[in-house]
Amino acid sequence: MAERMADAVVKRLLVKKLVETKDEAAARGAVRKVLMENLQAEERLDAEARQILMEHTREIRDAAVDYARLLAMLKGKLARERGFIL
């Protein structure tokens, strides 16, 4: 997925003449690396949010709170605390 995204990003940047590069493959590689790091950070954030919710399963169940909404809110809070943009 990161490979296709990197290809698309670099292609659009080049077509719109927002960047110039002598080595398109290296540019795609750099963009892919950044995308992979971002996706991995988001996966870690998601895992941490799920772990926190698992630790509070009983309270969540007793309060009849929507798990998906609570997960999204917690991920957003963790992301803001870490300066991570989702």
C-alpha atoms as a PDB file:
ATOM      1  CA  MET A   1       0.000   0.000   0.000  1.00  0.00           C
ATOM      2  CA  ALA A   2       2.804   2.442   0.873  1.00  0.00           C
ATOM      3  CA  GLU A   3       4.451   1.678  -2.474  1.00  0.00           C
ATOM      4  CA  ARG A   4       1.340   2.655  -4.450  1.00  0.00           C
ATOM      5  CA  MET A   5       0.792   5.731  -2.304  1.00  0.00           C
ATOM      6  CA  ALA A   6       4.406   6.841  -2.775  1.00  0.00           C
ATOM      7  CA  ASP A   7       4.143   6.347  -6.532  1.00  0.00           C
ATOM      8  CA  ALA A   8       0.962   8.431  -6.648  1.00  0.00           C
ATOM      9  CA  VAL A   9       2.363  11.222  -4.456  1.00  0.00           C
ATOM     10  CA  VAL A  10       5.591  11.555  -6.416  1.00  0.00           C
ATOM     11  CA  LYS A  11       3.760  11.400  -9.734  1.00  0.00           C
ATOM     12  CA  ARG A  12       1.359  14.186  -8.713  1.00  0.00           C
ATOM     13  CA  LEU A  13       4.152  16.355  -7.336  1.00  0.00           C
ATOM     14  CA  LEU A  14       6.113  15.982 -10.571  1.00  0.00           C
ATOM     15  CA  VAL A  15       3.115  16.541 -12.848  1.00  0.00           C
ATOM     16  CA  LYS A  16       2.126  19.695 -10.968  1.00  0.00           C
ATOM     17  CA  LYS A  17       5.779  20.758 -11.023  1.00  0.00           C
ATOM     18  CA  LEU A  18       5.820  21.204  -7.249  1.00  0.00           C
ATOM     19  CA  VAL A  19       9.142  19.364  -7.022  1.00  0.00           C
ATOM     20  CA  GLU A  20      11.995  18.515  -9.304  1.00  0.00           C
ATOM     21  CA  THR A  21      14.136  15.432  -8.991  1.00  0.00           C
ATOM     22  CA  LYS A  22      16.980  13.833 -10.862  1.00  0.00           C
ATOM     23  CA  ASP A  23      16.208  10.432  -9.367  1.00  0.00           C
ATOM     24  CA  GLU A  24      12.506   9.643  -9.348  1.00  0.00           C
ATOM     25  CA  ALA A  25      13.086   6.203  -7.841  1.00  0.00           C
ATOM     26  CA  ALA A  26      14.960   7.724  -4.891  1.00  0.00           C
ATOM     27  CA  ALA A  27      12.142  10.239  -4.396  1.00  0.00           C
ATOM     28  CA  ARG A  28       9.579   7.420  -4.362  1.00  0.00           C
ATOM     29  CA  GLY A  29      11.757   5.531  -1.889  1.00  0.00           C
ATOM     30  CA  ALA A  30      11.987   8.526   0.443  1.00  0.00           C
ATOM     31  CA  VAL A  31       8.231   9.122   0.316  1.00  0.00           C
ATOM     32  CA  ARG A  32       7.578   5.395   0.852  1.00  0.00           C
ATOM     33  CA  LYS A  33       9.846   5.411   3.921  1.00  0.00           C
ATOM     34  CA  VAL A  34       7.994   8.353   5.455  1.00  0.00           C
ATOM     35  CA  LEU A  35       4.625   6.741   4.707  1.00  0.00           C
ATOM     36  CA  MET A  36       5.734   3.428   6.236  1.00  0.00           C
ATOM     37  CA  GLU A  37       6.953   5.162   9.384  1.00  0.00           C
ATOM     38  CA  ASN A  38       3.650   7.023   9.638  1.00  0.00           C
ATOM     39  CA  LEU A  39       1.557   3.887   9.093  1.00  0.00           C
ATOM     40  CA  GLN A  40       3.593   1.982  11.672  1.00  0.00           C
ATOM     41  CA  ALA A  41       3.224   4.803  14.192  1.00  0.00           C
ATOM     42  CA  GLU A  42      -0.527   4.786  13.626  1.00  0.00           C
ATOM     43  CA  GLU A  43      -0.624   1.005  14.140  1.00  0.00           C
ATOM     44  CA  ARG A  44       1.264   1.384  17.434  1.00  0.00           C
ATOM     45  CA  LEU A  45      -1.131   4.140  18.488  1.00  0.00           C
ATOM     46  CA  ASP A  46      -4.113   1.937  17.639  1.00  0.00           C
ATOM     47  CA  ALA A  47      -2.651  -1.004  19.580  1.00  0.00           C
ATOM     48  CA  GLU A  48      -2.000   1.196  22.609  1.00  0.00           C
ATOM     49  CA  ALA A  49      -5.544   2.581  22.521  1.00  0.00           C
ATOM     50  CA  ARG A  50      -6.984  -0.938  22.283  1.00  0.00           C
ATOM     51  CA  GLN A  51      -4.812  -2.074  25.203  1.00  0.00           C
ATOM     52  CA  ILE A  52      -6.001   0.828  27.343  1.00  0.00           C
ATOM     53  CA  LEU A  53      -9.615  -0.007  26.534  1.00  0.00           C
ATOM     54  CA  MET A  54      -9.009  -3.684  27.307  1.00  0.00           C
ATOM     55  CA  GLU A  55      -7.790  -2.657  30.751  1.00  0.00           C
ATOM     56  CA  HIS A  56     -11.142  -0.919  31.303  1.00  0.00           C
ATOM     57  CA  THR A  57     -13.456  -3.479  29.706  1.00  0.00           C
ATOM     58  CA  ARG A  58     -15.653  -3.848  32.772  1.00  0.00           C
ATOM     59  CA  GLU A  59     -16.238  -0.099  33.150  1.00  0.00           C
ATOM     60  CA  ILE A  60     -16.979   0.233  29.441  1.00  0.00           C
ATOM     61  CA  ARG A  61     -19.450  -2.639  29.528  1.00  0.00           C
ATOM     62  CA  ASP A  62     -21.160  -1.332  32.681  1.00  0.00           C
ATOM     63  CA  ALA A  63     -21.467   2.163  31.216  1.00  0.00           C
ATOM     64  CA  ALA A  64     -22.915   0.839  27.931  1.00  0.00           C
ATOM     65  CA  VAL A  65     -20.533   3.029  25.935  1.00  0.00           C
ATOM     66  CA  ASP A  66     -20.026   2.493  22.202  1.00  0.00           C
ATOM     67  CA  TYR A  67     -16.620   0.794  21.932  1.00  0.00           C
ATOM     68  CA  ALA A  68     -15.872   2.063  18.417  1.00  0.00           C
ATOM     69  CA  ARG A  69     -16.602   5.667  19.377  1.00  0.00           C
ATOM     70  CA  LEU A  70     -14.557   5.363  22.552  1.00  0.00           C
ATOM     71  CA  LEU A  71     -11.650   3.861  20.581  1.00  0.00           C
ATOM     72  CA  ALA A  72     -11.756   6.717  18.072  1.00  0.00           C
ATOM     73  CA  MET A  73     -11.835   9.308  20.846  1.00  0.00           C
ATOM     74  CA  LEU A  74      -8.942   7.679  22.695  1.00  0.00           C
ATOM     75  CA  LYS A  75      -6.849   7.392  19.516  1.00  0.00           C
ATOM     76  CA  GLY A  76      -7.502  11.070  18.834  1.00  0.00           C
ATOM     77  CA  LYS A  77      -6.458  12.030  22.351  1.00  0.00           C
ATOM     78  CA  LEU A  78      -3.268   9.958  22.216  1.00  0.00           C
ATOM     79  CA  ALA A  79      -2.440  11.366  18.789  1.00  0.00           C
ATOM     80  CA  ARG A  80      -2.871  14.964  19.984  1.00  0.00           C
ATOM     81  CA  GLU A  81      -0.702  14.312  23.044  1.00  0.00           C
ATOM     82  CA  ARG A  82       2.067  12.982  20.818  1.00  0.00           C
ATOM     83  CA  GLY A  83       1.735  15.545  18.045  1.00  0.00           C
ATOM     84  CA  PHE A  84       0.652  12.841  15.608  1.00  0.00           C
ATOM     85  CA  ILE A  85      -1.799  13.759  12.858  1.00  0.00           C
ATOM     86  CA  LEU A  86      -4.259  11.021  11.983  1.00  0.00           C
END
